[in-house]
Structures are given as structure tokens and as C-alpha cells.
Amino acid sequence: MDEAVVNSRLSRIETCWTLLGQAHGPACTLEVQAQAALIQRYQKAVYRYLLGVLKDQDAADDLFQEFALRMVRGDFHKADASKGKFRKYIKTAVLHLIHEYRYKMYRRTVQELDETNETPAPPAEDAQADKEFLASWRKTLLDRAWDALQSYEKPGGPPYFRALKLRTEHPEWQNGQIVAELARTTPDEDAVSEVALRKILQRARDTFTELLLDEISRSLGSTSTEALEEEVIDLGLQVYCAKALQKRRA
């Protein structure tokens, strides 16, 4: 899915803070503000998933706004986030909205076809729902880690973000090609050699992994190493995070 589409559509959607004001007005609590902040942090995962499942941008827009509004209003209070992972809590809430939407579409079709005696099939459960939501959630966490690494890179300092991004996007490139590409946007006094690049890439990988684990921990709302390891496995990121997890255990 085109990331530009996701960013463009989200930029047009009423912000969660506006929805928050509509739902609570001046009586807004810190707890509700925290919920709205979490929605903003992971809104791309939710919207990307809605767009992928519904295949309809307008429907995805409407359901995303409804999801945000219900969250800050406390409509999903029965799904206690403290009893499970925040990711699963969010997924359950989103799936509930999708099922409601599909059932409404189904009922509308039934009414339209009533006079013809045709019977449409009821809305089917999406067998790929969990897999698709997990992929969307994982991509959002990785994107946030990339953003953090980019912020970590300082002007005049080692090009951690740029070097690792080039290595990731062009795995077939030799180090010399990466050095040449970096040189195009780097002042001569800050140019790196192939020897330096190897060290930069290693440092960049280690830093990126630590930033990714920090982001996963924030999504869990827990500092437990055991919970972090379980989530890393669920996300399919254990191969990348094994070294950093071992360091945290120690």
C-alpha cells in the first residue's frame, strides 16, 4: 500500500485531539488524553489496516474517525487494555467496527434486493484479519524506529540513518557503492571510508534495534523483559532483536 496515500488521507481526517474535545469538552481527564495520544501514535497501523481490509478510502476514513471517537469516549471500556496487549485491544475494537460496517452493508443489500427474492451472502469473517493487522502494526513500529534513528543522526556526525537506509533498500550494493552515494550529499570533510562505513553500519543496526525495542515496550505499556520478548516473537522480529534482547536480559 502506497505510504503517501496513508499519510495524505490521515492528514485530511479530523485529528484525534479535535475528536477528544467533541467527546469530553473541558471535562477531559488525563486518562482520556493518554488514550488519545496512543491513538495518534499508532493511527497509521489502524488506518492502514482499515484501508487494506475495506478497499474503500471513504469507508476507511469514516471508520477511523468513528474508532478514535469511541476510544476517547470510553465506548470500548469492556475491553480492558490492562488484561492484555494494547495491540490486541486495539485490534478487537477495530474488528468490532468493521463487523458493524459490513453488517450494515449487508442489511442495506437485503433491503434493496427484497423485492427480487434474491438473498445476498452474509458478511464473512476475514480469515486473514489477525495476520493483516499484525503486519500493519509491525510496519508502524518499524517506521517509528526509523524516524527515531533519523533524529539520532546529528549534522556533521556519522550518517547512521542514511547508511543503514541505503543498505536496507539496496542489499545488493557493495560498500563502495554506499560510500559513493553518501558522498553525493555529504561535505568532503565529513566523507566516510569503506572501513568507517562498516563500523557505522554496525552501530546503526545496534541503535536501530534498541530504538525498535523501546517502541515495542511503549506499545505494550510495560517494562517487563518477558512481555517484551513475547511481543517480539509475536511480531516475527526475534531474528533482528535477539542480540539486543540478550543485552537487556543481562
C-alpha atoms as a PDB file:
ATOM      1  CA  MET A   1       0.000   0.000   0.000  1.00  0.00           C
ATOM      2  CA  ASP A   2       1.317   3.430  -1.000  1.00  0.00           C
ATOM      3  CA  GLU A   3       2.528   5.192   2.165  1.00  0.00           C
ATOM      4  CA  ALA A   4       1.818   8.550   0.543  1.00  0.00           C
ATOM      5  CA  VAL A   5      -1.869   7.588   0.298  1.00  0.00           C
ATOM      6  CA  VAL A   6      -1.995   6.729   4.002  1.00  0.00           C
ATOM      7  CA  ASN A   7      -0.277   9.977   5.004  1.00  0.00           C
ATOM      8  CA  SER A   8      -2.461  12.052   2.687  1.00  0.00           C
ATOM      9  CA  ARG A   9      -5.729  10.553   3.882  1.00  0.00           C
ATOM     10  CA  LEU A  10      -4.789  10.832   7.549  1.00  0.00           C
ATOM     11  CA  SER A  11      -3.841  14.474   7.095  1.00  0.00           C
ATOM     12  CA  ARG A  12      -7.391  15.161   5.892  1.00  0.00           C
ATOM     13  CA  ILE A  13      -9.076  13.336   8.739  1.00  0.00           C
ATOM     14  CA  GLU A  14     -10.145  15.324  11.762  1.00  0.00           C
ATOM     15  CA  THR A  15      -7.460  14.975  14.412  1.00  0.00           C
ATOM     16  CA  CYS A  16      -7.888  12.835  17.478  1.00  0.00           C
ATOM     17  CA  TRP A  17      -7.494  15.911  19.667  1.00  0.00           C
ATOM     18  CA  THR A  18     -10.482  17.527  17.984  1.00  0.00           C
ATOM     19  CA  LEU A  19     -12.459  14.329  18.465  1.00  0.00           C
ATOM     20  CA  LEU A  20     -11.317  14.319  22.063  1.00  0.00           C
ATOM     21  CA  GLY A  21     -12.749  17.785  22.581  1.00  0.00           C
ATOM     22  CA  GLN A  22     -16.023  16.775  20.984  1.00  0.00           C
ATOM     23  CA  ALA A  23     -16.310  13.728  23.224  1.00  0.00           C
ATOM     24  CA  HIS A  24     -15.363  15.305  26.545  1.00  0.00           C
ATOM     25  CA  GLY A  25     -15.102  19.052  26.271  1.00  0.00           C
ATOM     26  CA  PRO A  26     -13.476  20.740  29.301  1.00  0.00           C
ATOM     27  CA  ALA A  27     -14.079  17.642  31.448  1.00  0.00           C
ATOM     28  CA  CYS A  28     -11.355  15.701  29.641  1.00  0.00           C
ATOM     29  CA  THR A  29      -9.312  13.549  32.023  1.00  0.00           C
ATOM     30  CA  LEU A  30      -5.621  12.720  31.900  1.00  0.00           C
ATOM     31  CA  GLU A  31      -6.531   9.085  31.251  1.00  0.00           C
ATOM     32  CA  VAL A  32      -8.549  10.024  28.176  1.00  0.00           C
ATOM     33  CA  GLN A  33      -5.772  12.318  26.979  1.00  0.00           C
ATOM     34  CA  ALA A  34      -3.373   9.400  27.285  1.00  0.00           C
ATOM     35  CA  GLN A  35      -5.723   7.227  25.207  1.00  0.00           C
ATOM     36  CA  ALA A  36      -5.911   9.893  22.508  1.00  0.00           C
ATOM     37  CA  ALA A  37      -2.113  10.178  22.477  1.00  0.00           C
ATOM     38  CA  LEU A  38      -1.840   6.415  21.956  1.00  0.00           C
ATOM     39  CA  ILE A  39      -4.299   6.596  19.069  1.00  0.00           C
ATOM     40  CA  GLN A  40      -2.184   9.286  17.452  1.00  0.00           C
ATOM     41  CA  ARG A  41       0.994   7.258  17.958  1.00  0.00           C
ATOM     42  CA  TYR A  42      -0.439   4.171  16.260  1.00  0.00           C
ATOM     43  CA  GLN A  43      -3.022   5.732  13.966  1.00  0.00           C
ATOM     44  CA  LYS A  44      -1.166   4.628  10.834  1.00  0.00           C
ATOM     45  CA  ALA A  45      -1.409   0.983  11.866  1.00  0.00           C
ATOM     46  CA  VAL A  46      -5.160   1.296  12.389  1.00  0.00           C
ATOM     47  CA  TYR A  47      -5.854   3.295   9.232  1.00  0.00           C
ATOM     48  CA  ARG A  48      -3.590   1.161   7.029  1.00  0.00           C
ATOM     49  CA  TYR A  49      -5.418  -1.935   8.263  1.00  0.00           C
ATOM     50  CA  LEU A  50      -8.875  -0.425   7.649  1.00  0.00           C
ATOM     51  CA  LEU A  51      -7.862   0.619   4.148  1.00  0.00           C
ATOM     52  CA  GLY A  52      -6.430  -2.819   3.396  1.00  0.00           C
ATOM     53  CA  VAL A  53      -9.494  -4.712   4.608  1.00  0.00           C
ATOM     54  CA  LEU A  54     -12.247  -2.428   3.290  1.00  0.00           C
ATOM     55  CA  LYS A  55     -10.597  -1.490  -0.036  1.00  0.00           C
ATOM     56  CA  ASP A  56     -12.532   1.785   0.197  1.00  0.00           C
ATOM     57  CA  GLN A  57     -10.840   5.028   1.203  1.00  0.00           C
ATOM     58  CA  ASP A  58     -14.026   6.842   2.174  1.00  0.00           C
ATOM     59  CA  ALA A  59     -15.200   3.932   4.337  1.00  0.00           C
ATOM     60  CA  ALA A  60     -11.750   3.706   5.948  1.00  0.00           C
ATOM     61  CA  ASP A  61     -11.862   7.449   6.712  1.00  0.00           C
ATOM     62  CA  ASP A  62     -15.286   7.170   8.322  1.00  0.00           C
ATOM     63  CA  LEU A  63     -14.444   4.114  10.403  1.00  0.00           C
ATOM     64  CA  PHE A  64     -11.132   5.557  11.561  1.00  0.00           C
ATOM     65  CA  GLN A  65     -12.860   8.674  12.851  1.00  0.00           C
ATOM     66  CA  GLU A  66     -15.537   6.557  14.494  1.00  0.00           C
ATOM     67  CA  PHE A  67     -12.848   4.373  16.079  1.00  0.00           C
ATOM     68  CA  ALA A  68     -10.978   7.385  17.501  1.00  0.00           C
ATOM     69  CA  LEU A  69     -14.191   8.947  18.788  1.00  0.00           C
ATOM     70  CA  ARG A  70     -15.324   5.740  20.505  1.00  0.00           C
ATOM     71  CA  MET A  71     -11.907   5.220  22.042  1.00  0.00           C
ATOM     72  CA  VAL A  72     -11.754   8.622  23.690  1.00  0.00           C
ATOM     73  CA  ARG A  73     -15.416   8.411  24.720  1.00  0.00           C
ATOM     74  CA  GLY A  74     -14.642   5.168  26.518  1.00  0.00           C
ATOM     75  CA  ASP A  75     -17.048   3.069  24.437  1.00  0.00           C
ATOM     76  CA  PHE A  76     -14.612   0.146  24.482  1.00  0.00           C
ATOM     77  CA  HIS A  77     -14.275   0.119  28.266  1.00  0.00           C
ATOM     78  CA  LYS A  78     -15.270  -3.554  28.449  1.00  0.00           C
ATOM     79  CA  ALA A  79     -12.121  -4.461  26.534  1.00  0.00           C
ATOM     80  CA  ASP A  80      -9.757  -3.832  29.436  1.00  0.00           C
ATOM     81  CA  ALA A  81      -6.331  -2.999  27.990  1.00  0.00           C
ATOM     82  CA  SER A  82      -4.718  -3.881  31.327  1.00  0.00           C
ATOM     83  CA  LYS A  83      -5.746  -7.518  30.829  1.00  0.00           C
ATOM     84  CA  GLY A  84      -3.900  -7.950  27.565  1.00  0.00           C
ATOM     85  CA  LYS A  85      -1.660  -6.358  24.995  1.00  0.00           C
ATOM     86  CA  PHE A  86      -2.625  -2.919  23.775  1.00  0.00           C
ATOM     87  CA  ARG A  87      -2.202  -4.196  20.210  1.00  0.00           C
ATOM     88  CA  LYS A  88      -4.829  -6.905  20.725  1.00  0.00           C
ATOM     89  CA  TYR A  89      -7.122  -4.455  22.469  1.00  0.00           C
ATOM     90  CA  ILE A  90      -6.921  -2.105  19.500  1.00  0.00           C
ATOM     91  CA  LYS A  91      -7.402  -4.931  17.007  1.00  0.00           C
ATOM     92  CA  THR A  92     -10.535  -6.144  18.811  1.00  0.00           C
ATOM     93  CA  ALA A  93     -12.003  -2.638  18.797  1.00  0.00           C
ATOM     94  CA  VAL A  94     -11.255  -2.135  15.093  1.00  0.00           C
ATOM     95  CA  LEU A  95     -12.640  -5.543  14.110  1.00  0.00           C
ATOM     96  CA  HIS A  96     -15.828  -4.754  16.009  1.00  0.00           C
ATOM     97  CA  LEU A  97     -16.291  -1.626  13.919  1.00  0.00           C
ATOM     98  CA  ILE A  98     -15.554  -3.495  10.682  1.00  0.00           C
ATOM     99  CA  HIS A  99     -18.137  -6.160  11.534  1.00  0.00           C
ATOM    100  CA  GLU A 100     -20.699  -3.460  12.302  1.00  0.00           C
ATOM    101  CA  TYR A 101     -19.979  -1.750   8.989  1.00  0.00           C
ATOM    102  CA  ARG A 102     -20.174  -4.968   6.976  1.00  0.00           C
ATOM    103  CA  TYR A 103     -23.424  -5.969   8.633  1.00  0.00           C
ATOM    104  CA  LYS A 104     -24.963  -2.580   7.821  1.00  0.00           C
ATOM    105  CA  MET A 105     -23.895  -3.002   4.190  1.00  0.00           C
ATOM    106  CA  TYR A 106     -25.366  -6.494   4.219  1.00  0.00           C
ATOM    107  CA  ARG A 107     -28.694  -5.288   5.645  1.00  0.00           C
ATOM    108  CA  ARG A 108     -28.827  -2.492   3.079  1.00  0.00           C
ATOM    109  CA  THR A 109     -28.307  -5.003   0.274  1.00  0.00           C
ATOM    110  CA  VAL A 110     -31.035  -7.232   1.713  1.00  0.00           C
ATOM    111  CA  GLN A 111     -33.496  -4.334   1.675  1.00  0.00           C
ATOM    112  CA  GLU A 112     -32.553  -3.364  -1.873  1.00  0.00           C
ATOM    113  CA  LEU A 113     -32.971  -6.939  -3.146  1.00  0.00           C
ATOM    114  CA  ASP A 114     -36.031  -7.780  -1.082  1.00  0.00           C
ATOM    115  CA  GLU A 115     -38.449  -7.396  -3.974  1.00  0.00           C
ATOM    116  CA  THR A 116     -36.391  -9.641  -6.265  1.00  0.00           C
ATOM    117  CA  ASN A 117     -36.297 -12.505  -3.747  1.00  0.00           C
ATOM    118  CA  GLU A 118     -32.522 -12.654  -4.053  1.00  0.00           C
ATOM    119  CA  THR A 119     -30.574 -13.440  -0.892  1.00  0.00           C
ATOM    120  CA  PRO A 120     -27.067 -11.973  -0.545  1.00  0.00           C
ATOM    121  CA  ALA A 121     -24.445 -13.853   1.409  1.00  0.00           C
ATOM    122  CA  PRO A 122     -23.920 -12.610   4.978  1.00  0.00           C
ATOM    123  CA  PRO A 123     -20.655 -10.784   5.726  1.00  0.00           C
ATOM    124  CA  ALA A 124     -17.855 -13.329   6.029  1.00  0.00           C
ATOM    125  CA  GLU A 125     -15.238 -13.383   8.732  1.00  0.00           C
ATOM    126  CA  ASP A 126     -11.867 -12.309   7.391  1.00  0.00           C
ATOM    127  CA  ALA A 127      -9.532 -15.265   7.885  1.00  0.00           C
ATOM    128  CA  GLN A 128      -6.545 -13.007   7.285  1.00  0.00           C
ATOM    129  CA  ALA A 129      -7.625 -10.358   9.804  1.00  0.00           C
ATOM    130  CA  ASP A 130      -5.087 -11.174  12.502  1.00  0.00           C
ATOM    131  CA  LYS A 131      -2.236 -11.596  10.028  1.00  0.00           C
ATOM    132  CA  GLU A 132      -3.033  -8.318   8.258  1.00  0.00           C
ATOM    133  CA  PHE A 133      -3.392  -6.331  11.447  1.00  0.00           C
ATOM    134  CA  LEU A 134      -0.127  -7.750  12.794  1.00  0.00           C
ATOM    135  CA  ALA A 135       1.663  -6.770   9.581  1.00  0.00           C
ATOM    136  CA  SER A 136       0.239  -3.239   9.777  1.00  0.00           C
ATOM    137  CA  TRP A 137       1.200  -2.916  13.449  1.00  0.00           C
ATOM    138  CA  ARG A 138       4.722  -4.209  12.781  1.00  0.00           C
ATOM    139  CA  LYS A 139       5.227  -1.738   9.928  1.00  0.00           C
ATOM    140  CA  THR A 140       4.156   1.162  12.144  1.00  0.00           C
ATOM    141  CA  LEU A 141       6.604   0.145  14.872  1.00  0.00           C
ATOM    142  CA  LEU A 142       9.418  -0.184  12.320  1.00  0.00           C
ATOM    143  CA  ASP A 143       8.545   3.188  10.775  1.00  0.00           C
ATOM    144  CA  ARG A 144       8.685   4.853  14.183  1.00  0.00           C
ATOM    145  CA  ALA A 145      12.071   3.239  14.850  1.00  0.00           C
ATOM    146  CA  TRP A 146      13.353   4.585  11.531  1.00  0.00           C
ATOM    147  CA  ASP A 147      12.096   8.056  12.435  1.00  0.00           C
ATOM    148  CA  ALA A 148      13.876   7.807  15.789  1.00  0.00           C
ATOM    149  CA  LEU A 149      17.127   6.741  14.103  1.00  0.00           C
ATOM    150  CA  GLN A 150      16.874   9.678  11.725  1.00  0.00           C
ATOM    151  CA  SER A 151      16.546  12.000  14.721  1.00  0.00           C
ATOM    152  CA  TYR A 152      19.524  10.247  16.327  1.00  0.00           C
ATOM    153  CA  GLU A 153      21.721  11.216  13.353  1.00  0.00           C
ATOM    154  CA  LYS A 154      23.290  14.617  14.034  1.00  0.00           C
ATOM    155  CA  PRO A 155      24.602  17.153  11.474  1.00  0.00           C
ATOM    156  CA  GLY A 156      28.306  16.547  10.933  1.00  0.00           C
ATOM    157  CA  GLY A 157      28.109  13.210  12.764  1.00  0.00           C
ATOM    158  CA  PRO A 158      28.190   9.649  11.414  1.00  0.00           C
ATOM    159  CA  PRO A 159      25.426   9.027   8.823  1.00  0.00           C
ATOM    160  CA  TYR A 160      23.753   6.224  10.782  1.00  0.00           C
ATOM    161  CA  PHE A 161      20.282   6.658   9.302  1.00  0.00           C
ATOM    162  CA  ARG A 162      21.352   7.281   5.714  1.00  0.00           C
ATOM    163  CA  ALA A 163      23.870   4.440   5.665  1.00  0.00           C
ATOM    164  CA  LEU A 164      21.509   1.851   7.132  1.00  0.00           C
ATOM    165  CA  LYS A 165      18.635   3.009   4.921  1.00  0.00           C
ATOM    166  CA  LEU A 166      20.795   2.562   1.817  1.00  0.00           C
ATOM    167  CA  ARG A 167      21.965  -0.857   2.975  1.00  0.00           C
ATOM    168  CA  THR A 168      18.339  -1.912   3.641  1.00  0.00           C
ATOM    169  CA  GLU A 169      16.940  -0.542   0.389  1.00  0.00           C
ATOM    170  CA  HIS A 170      19.851  -1.813  -1.733  1.00  0.00           C
ATOM    171  CA  PRO A 171      21.042  -5.121  -0.222  1.00  0.00           C
ATOM    172  CA  GLU A 172      22.824  -5.950  -3.485  1.00  0.00           C
ATOM    173  CA  TRP A 173      25.124  -2.908  -3.277  1.00  0.00           C
ATOM    174  CA  GLN A 174      28.765  -3.202  -2.319  1.00  0.00           C
ATOM    175  CA  ASN A 175      30.053  -0.951   0.473  1.00  0.00           C
ATOM    176  CA  GLY A 176      31.863   1.148  -2.106  1.00  0.00           C
ATOM    177  CA  GLN A 177      28.548   1.986  -3.787  1.00  0.00           C
ATOM    178  CA  ILE A 178      27.059   3.085  -0.469  1.00  0.00           C
ATOM    179  CA  VAL A 179      30.111   5.253   0.248  1.00  0.00           C
ATOM    180  CA  ALA A 180      29.780   6.850  -3.195  1.00  0.00           C
ATOM    181  CA  GLU A 181      26.059   7.530  -2.676  1.00  0.00           C
ATOM    182  CA  LEU A 182      26.693   9.042   0.757  1.00  0.00           C
ATOM    183  CA  ALA A 183      29.407  11.256  -0.706  1.00  0.00           C
ATOM    184  CA  ARG A 184      26.845  12.894  -3.025  1.00  0.00           C
ATOM    185  CA  THR A 185      25.096  14.534  -0.066  1.00  0.00           C
ATOM    186  CA  THR A 186      27.972  14.741   2.421  1.00  0.00           C
ATOM    187  CA  PRO A 187      30.567  17.550   2.675  1.00  0.00           C
ATOM    188  CA  ASP A 188      34.097  16.427   1.834  1.00  0.00           C
ATOM    189  CA  GLU A 189      35.261  16.915   5.417  1.00  0.00           C
ATOM    190  CA  ASP A 190      32.551  14.507   6.626  1.00  0.00           C
ATOM    191  CA  ALA A 191      33.056  11.849   3.957  1.00  0.00           C
ATOM    192  CA  VAL A 192      33.396   8.261   5.181  1.00  0.00           C
ATOM    193  CA  SER A 193      35.668   5.472   4.004  1.00  0.00           C
ATOM    194  CA  GLU A 194      34.652   1.836   3.446  1.00  0.00           C
ATOM    195  CA  VAL A 195      36.397   0.897   6.697  1.00  0.00           C
ATOM    196  CA  ALA A 196      34.470   3.578   8.584  1.00  0.00           C
ATOM    197  CA  LEU A 197      31.244   2.516   6.874  1.00  0.00           C
ATOM    198  CA  ARG A 198      31.451  -0.989   8.343  1.00  0.00           C
ATOM    199  CA  LYS A 199      31.618   0.452  11.848  1.00  0.00           C
ATOM    200  CA  ILE A 200      28.849   2.941  11.098  1.00  0.00           C
ATOM    201  CA  LEU A 201      26.547   0.195   9.825  1.00  0.00           C
ATOM    202  CA  GLN A 202      27.170  -1.936  12.895  1.00  0.00           C
ATOM    203  CA  ARG A 203      26.478   0.969  15.227  1.00  0.00           C
ATOM    204  CA  ALA A 204      23.407   1.921  13.187  1.00  0.00           C
ATOM    205  CA  ARG A 205      21.989  -1.628  13.380  1.00  0.00           C
ATOM    206  CA  ASP A 206      22.539  -1.812  17.133  1.00  0.00           C
ATOM    207  CA  THR A 207      20.972   1.601  17.673  1.00  0.00           C
ATOM    208  CA  PHE A 208      18.021   0.858  15.410  1.00  0.00           C
ATOM    209  CA  THR A 209      17.290  -2.382  17.254  1.00  0.00           C
ATOM    210  CA  GLU A 210      17.392  -0.643  20.631  1.00  0.00           C
ATOM    211  CA  LEU A 211      15.054   2.068  19.348  1.00  0.00           C
ATOM    212  CA  LEU A 212      12.715  -0.606  17.977  1.00  0.00           C
ATOM    213  CA  LEU A 213      12.627  -2.414  21.325  1.00  0.00           C
ATOM    214  CA  ASP A 214      11.883   0.894  23.056  1.00  0.00           C
ATOM    215  CA  GLU A 215       8.968   1.457  20.692  1.00  0.00           C
ATOM    216  CA  ILE A 216       7.628  -2.061  21.254  1.00  0.00           C
ATOM    217  CA  SER A 217       7.877  -1.553  25.018  1.00  0.00           C
ATOM    218  CA  ARG A 218       5.901   1.675  24.742  1.00  0.00           C
ATOM    219  CA  SER A 219       3.209  -0.099  22.740  1.00  0.00           C
ATOM    220  CA  LEU A 220       2.952  -2.707  25.494  1.00  0.00           C
ATOM    221  CA  GLY A 221       2.838  -0.182  28.312  1.00  0.00           C
ATOM    222  CA  SER A 222       5.178  -2.493  30.216  1.00  0.00           C
ATOM    223  CA  THR A 223       8.855  -2.612  31.170  1.00  0.00           C
ATOM    224  CA  SER A 224       8.781  -6.395  31.620  1.00  0.00           C
ATOM    225  CA  THR A 225      11.532  -8.132  29.651  1.00  0.00           C
ATOM    226  CA  GLU A 226       9.390 -11.273  29.441  1.00  0.00           C
ATOM    227  CA  ALA A 227       6.467  -9.365  27.924  1.00  0.00           C
ATOM    228  CA  LEU A 228       8.839  -7.631  25.511  1.00  0.00           C
ATOM    229  CA  GLU A 229      10.330 -10.934  24.355  1.00  0.00           C
ATOM    230  CA  GLU A 230       6.877 -12.445  23.830  1.00  0.00           C
ATOM    231  CA  GLU A 231       5.761  -9.470  21.752  1.00  0.00           C
ATOM    232  CA  VAL A 232       8.955  -9.553  19.671  1.00  0.00           C
ATOM    233  CA  ILE A 233       8.230 -13.206  18.850  1.00  0.00           C
ATOM    234  CA  ASP A 234       4.587 -12.463  18.014  1.00  0.00           C
ATOM    235  CA  LEU A 235       5.743  -9.705  15.658  1.00  0.00           C
ATOM    236  CA  GLY A 236       8.246 -12.018  13.966  1.00  0.00           C
ATOM    237  CA  LEU A 237      11.186  -9.757  14.842  1.00  0.00           C
ATOM    238  CA  GLN A 238      13.186 -12.134  17.045  1.00  0.00           C
ATOM    239  CA  VAL A 239      15.922 -12.664  14.437  1.00  0.00           C
ATOM    240  CA  TYR A 240      16.634  -8.936  14.326  1.00  0.00           C
ATOM    241  CA  CYS A 241      16.270  -8.304  18.047  1.00  0.00           C
ATOM    242  CA  ALA A 242      17.999 -11.374  19.530  1.00  0.00           C
ATOM    243  CA  LYS A 243      21.271  -9.588  20.347  1.00  0.00           C
ATOM    244  CA  ALA A 244      19.557  -6.556  21.904  1.00  0.00           C
ATOM    245  CA  LEU A 245      17.192  -8.758  23.933  1.00  0.00           C
ATOM    246  CA  GLN A 246      20.129 -10.755  25.251  1.00  0.00           C
ATOM    247  CA  LYS A 247      21.782  -7.499  26.284  1.00  0.00           C
ATOM    248  CA  ARG A 248      18.646  -6.392  28.140  1.00  0.00           C
ATOM    249  CA  ARG A 249      18.346  -9.720  29.930  1.00  0.00           C
ATOM    250  CA  ALA A 250      21.912  -9.339  31.139  1.00  0.00           C
END
